[in-house]
């Protein structure tokens, strides 16, 4: 799959590119996927999963949010690189307001 760093519209939804890039003993690793904005229902799915199943449910929610043509590749990638599940989720939810509130003036 060629890397596309632009917003993609599909079925009246916008999918935004998110790239993970890191180095390991084999060299540079880079993955780009397009995700749509999560809705309340996605947060509820994760919250209802319970502590023991949070990781698995977060991966499932990512699979629901990714551009449909990228679903299989995402599943394969997170199978190989499991730490990408919380990394992608953190960045996607951060862009929707999670973690952006602080006590201030």
C-alpha atoms as a PDB file:
ATOM      1  CA  UNK A   1       0.000   0.000   0.000  1.00  0.00           C
ATOM      2  CA  UNK A   2       1.443   3.374  -0.911  1.00  0.00           C
ATOM      3  CA  UNK A   3       1.612   5.915   1.845  1.00  0.00           C
ATOM      4  CA  UNK A   4      -0.914   8.745   1.559  1.00  0.00           C
ATOM      5  CA  UNK A   5      -0.586  11.591   4.033  1.00  0.00           C
ATOM      6  CA  UNK A   6      -3.707  13.480   2.990  1.00  0.00           C
ATOM      7  CA  UNK A   7      -7.257  13.439   4.342  1.00  0.00           C
ATOM      8  CA  UNK A   8      -9.440  10.882   2.562  1.00  0.00           C
ATOM      9  CA  UNK A   9     -13.225  11.189   2.293  1.00  0.00           C
ATOM     10  CA  UNK A  10     -15.183   7.938   2.205  1.00  0.00           C
ATOM     11  CA  UNK A  11     -18.966   7.597   2.539  1.00  0.00           C
ATOM     12  CA  UNK A  12     -19.289  11.197   3.789  1.00  0.00           C
ATOM     13  CA  UNK A  13     -16.684  10.676   6.534  1.00  0.00           C
ATOM     14  CA  UNK A  14     -13.199  12.171   6.696  1.00  0.00           C
ATOM     15  CA  UNK A  15     -10.261   9.905   7.519  1.00  0.00           C
ATOM     16  CA  UNK A  16      -7.119  11.621   8.784  1.00  0.00           C
ATOM     17  CA  UNK A  17      -3.593  10.206   8.436  1.00  0.00           C
ATOM     18  CA  UNK A  18      -1.727   9.087  11.569  1.00  0.00           C
ATOM     19  CA  UNK A  19       1.832   7.820  11.255  1.00  0.00           C
ATOM     20  CA  UNK A  20       3.799   5.729  13.698  1.00  0.00           C
ATOM     21  CA  UNK A  21       7.549   5.892  13.263  1.00  0.00           C
ATOM     22  CA  UNK A  22      10.163   4.212  15.421  1.00  0.00           C
ATOM     23  CA  UNK A  23      13.517   2.499  15.265  1.00  0.00           C
ATOM     24  CA  UNK A  24      14.357  -0.989  16.418  1.00  0.00           C
ATOM     25  CA  UNK A  25      17.224  -3.433  15.946  1.00  0.00           C
ATOM     26  CA  UNK A  26      16.160  -3.988  12.318  1.00  0.00           C
ATOM     27  CA  UNK A  27      16.057  -0.276  11.430  1.00  0.00           C
ATOM     28  CA  UNK A  28      13.310   2.259  10.862  1.00  0.00           C
ATOM     29  CA  UNK A  29       9.672   1.153  11.067  1.00  0.00           C
ATOM     30  CA  UNK A  30       6.906   3.397   9.712  1.00  0.00           C
ATOM     31  CA  UNK A  31       3.164   2.812   9.386  1.00  0.00           C
ATOM     32  CA  UNK A  32       0.501   5.276   8.219  1.00  0.00           C
ATOM     33  CA  UNK A  33      -3.223   4.619   8.592  1.00  0.00           C
ATOM     34  CA  UNK A  34      -6.240   6.888   8.112  1.00  0.00           C
ATOM     35  CA  UNK A  35      -8.722   7.120  10.984  1.00  0.00           C
ATOM     36  CA  UNK A  36     -12.017   8.940  11.340  1.00  0.00           C
ATOM     37  CA  UNK A  37     -12.951  10.825  14.461  1.00  0.00           C
ATOM     38  CA  UNK A  38     -14.192   8.570  17.264  1.00  0.00           C
ATOM     39  CA  UNK A  39     -17.696   9.083  18.588  1.00  0.00           C
ATOM     40  CA  UNK A  40     -19.127   8.680  22.075  1.00  0.00           C
ATOM     41  CA  UNK A  41     -20.125   5.102  21.249  1.00  0.00           C
ATOM     42  CA  UNK A  42     -16.479   4.169  20.668  1.00  0.00           C
ATOM     43  CA  UNK A  43     -15.475   5.505  24.088  1.00  0.00           C
ATOM     44  CA  UNK A  44     -18.371   3.618  25.691  1.00  0.00           C
ATOM     45  CA  UNK A  45     -17.252   0.354  24.036  1.00  0.00           C
ATOM     46  CA  UNK A  46     -13.784   0.737  25.557  1.00  0.00           C
ATOM     47  CA  UNK A  47     -15.144   1.759  28.964  1.00  0.00           C
ATOM     48  CA  UNK A  48     -17.565  -1.194  29.109  1.00  0.00           C
ATOM     49  CA  UNK A  49     -14.862  -3.705  28.205  1.00  0.00           C
ATOM     50  CA  UNK A  50     -13.454  -3.795  31.705  1.00  0.00           C
ATOM     51  CA  UNK A  51      -9.834  -3.615  32.676  1.00  0.00           C
ATOM     52  CA  UNK A  52      -8.881  -7.112  31.475  1.00  0.00           C
ATOM     53  CA  UNK A  53     -10.292  -6.513  27.974  1.00  0.00           C
ATOM     54  CA  UNK A  54      -9.429  -2.824  27.440  1.00  0.00           C
ATOM     55  CA  UNK A  55      -6.484  -3.538  25.145  1.00  0.00           C
ATOM     56  CA  UNK A  56      -8.477  -5.898  22.900  1.00  0.00           C
ATOM     57  CA  UNK A  57     -11.461  -3.557  22.720  1.00  0.00           C
ATOM     58  CA  UNK A  58      -9.231  -0.588  21.917  1.00  0.00           C
ATOM     59  CA  UNK A  59      -7.795  -2.556  18.986  1.00  0.00           C
ATOM     60  CA  UNK A  60     -11.332  -3.363  17.814  1.00  0.00           C
ATOM     61  CA  UNK A  61     -12.345   0.302  18.048  1.00  0.00           C
ATOM     62  CA  UNK A  62      -9.298   1.267  15.974  1.00  0.00           C
ATOM     63  CA  UNK A  63     -10.404  -1.299  13.388  1.00  0.00           C
ATOM     64  CA  UNK A  64     -13.843   0.380  13.334  1.00  0.00           C
ATOM     65  CA  UNK A  65     -12.300   3.831  12.879  1.00  0.00           C
ATOM     66  CA  UNK A  66      -9.706   3.042  10.203  1.00  0.00           C
ATOM     67  CA  UNK A  67     -10.391   3.616   6.515  1.00  0.00           C
ATOM     68  CA  UNK A  68     -12.207   0.441   5.391  1.00  0.00           C
ATOM     69  CA  UNK A  69      -9.539  -0.486   2.828  1.00  0.00           C
ATOM     70  CA  UNK A  70      -6.861  -0.383   5.553  1.00  0.00           C
ATOM     71  CA  UNK A  71      -8.561  -2.654   8.107  1.00  0.00           C
ATOM     72  CA  UNK A  72      -6.742  -5.885   7.241  1.00  0.00           C
ATOM     73  CA  UNK A  73      -3.367  -4.145   7.132  1.00  0.00           C
ATOM     74  CA  UNK A  74      -4.056  -2.485  10.508  1.00  0.00           C
ATOM     75  CA  UNK A  75      -4.973  -5.823  12.094  1.00  0.00           C
ATOM     76  CA  UNK A  76      -1.819  -7.424  10.701  1.00  0.00           C
ATOM     77  CA  UNK A  77       0.345  -4.504  11.855  1.00  0.00           C
ATOM     78  CA  UNK A  78      -0.982  -4.457  15.425  1.00  0.00           C
ATOM     79  CA  UNK A  79      -0.547  -8.217  15.601  1.00  0.00           C
ATOM     80  CA  UNK A  80       3.124  -7.722  14.767  1.00  0.00           C
ATOM     81  CA  UNK A  81       3.546  -4.509  16.796  1.00  0.00           C
ATOM     82  CA  UNK A  82       1.079  -4.674  19.748  1.00  0.00           C
ATOM     83  CA  UNK A  83       2.350  -1.441  21.334  1.00  0.00           C
ATOM     84  CA  UNK A  84       0.842   0.453  18.396  1.00  0.00           C
ATOM     85  CA  UNK A  85      -2.671  -0.066  19.823  1.00  0.00           C
ATOM     86  CA  UNK A  86      -2.257   2.353  22.751  1.00  0.00           C
ATOM     87  CA  UNK A  87       0.030   4.619  20.697  1.00  0.00           C
ATOM     88  CA  UNK A  88      -2.521   5.151  17.900  1.00  0.00           C
ATOM     89  CA  UNK A  89      -5.440   5.349  20.351  1.00  0.00           C
ATOM     90  CA  UNK A  90      -3.666   7.972  22.458  1.00  0.00           C
ATOM     91  CA  UNK A  91      -2.951  10.212  19.489  1.00  0.00           C
ATOM     92  CA  UNK A  92      -6.390   9.816  17.876  1.00  0.00           C
ATOM     93  CA  UNK A  93      -8.293  10.499  21.104  1.00  0.00           C
ATOM     94  CA  UNK A  94      -5.960  13.389  21.963  1.00  0.00           C
ATOM     95  CA  UNK A  95      -7.030  15.118  18.737  1.00  0.00           C
ATOM     96  CA  UNK A  96     -10.654  14.796  19.869  1.00  0.00           C
ATOM     97  CA  UNK A  97     -10.154  16.502  23.220  1.00  0.00           C
ATOM     98  CA  UNK A  98      -8.936  13.717  25.498  1.00  0.00           C
ATOM     99  CA  UNK A  99      -6.176  14.941  27.773  1.00  0.00           C
ATOM    100  CA  UNK A 100      -6.497  18.573  26.736  1.00  0.00           C
ATOM    101  CA  UNK A 101      -8.132  19.899  29.896  1.00  0.00           C
ATOM    102  CA  UNK A 102      -6.047  21.420  32.666  1.00  0.00           C
ATOM    103  CA  UNK A 103      -6.586  23.607  35.686  1.00  0.00           C
ATOM    104  CA  UNK A 104      -5.752  27.136  34.810  1.00  0.00           C
ATOM    105  CA  UNK A 105      -6.599  30.795  34.854  1.00  0.00           C
END
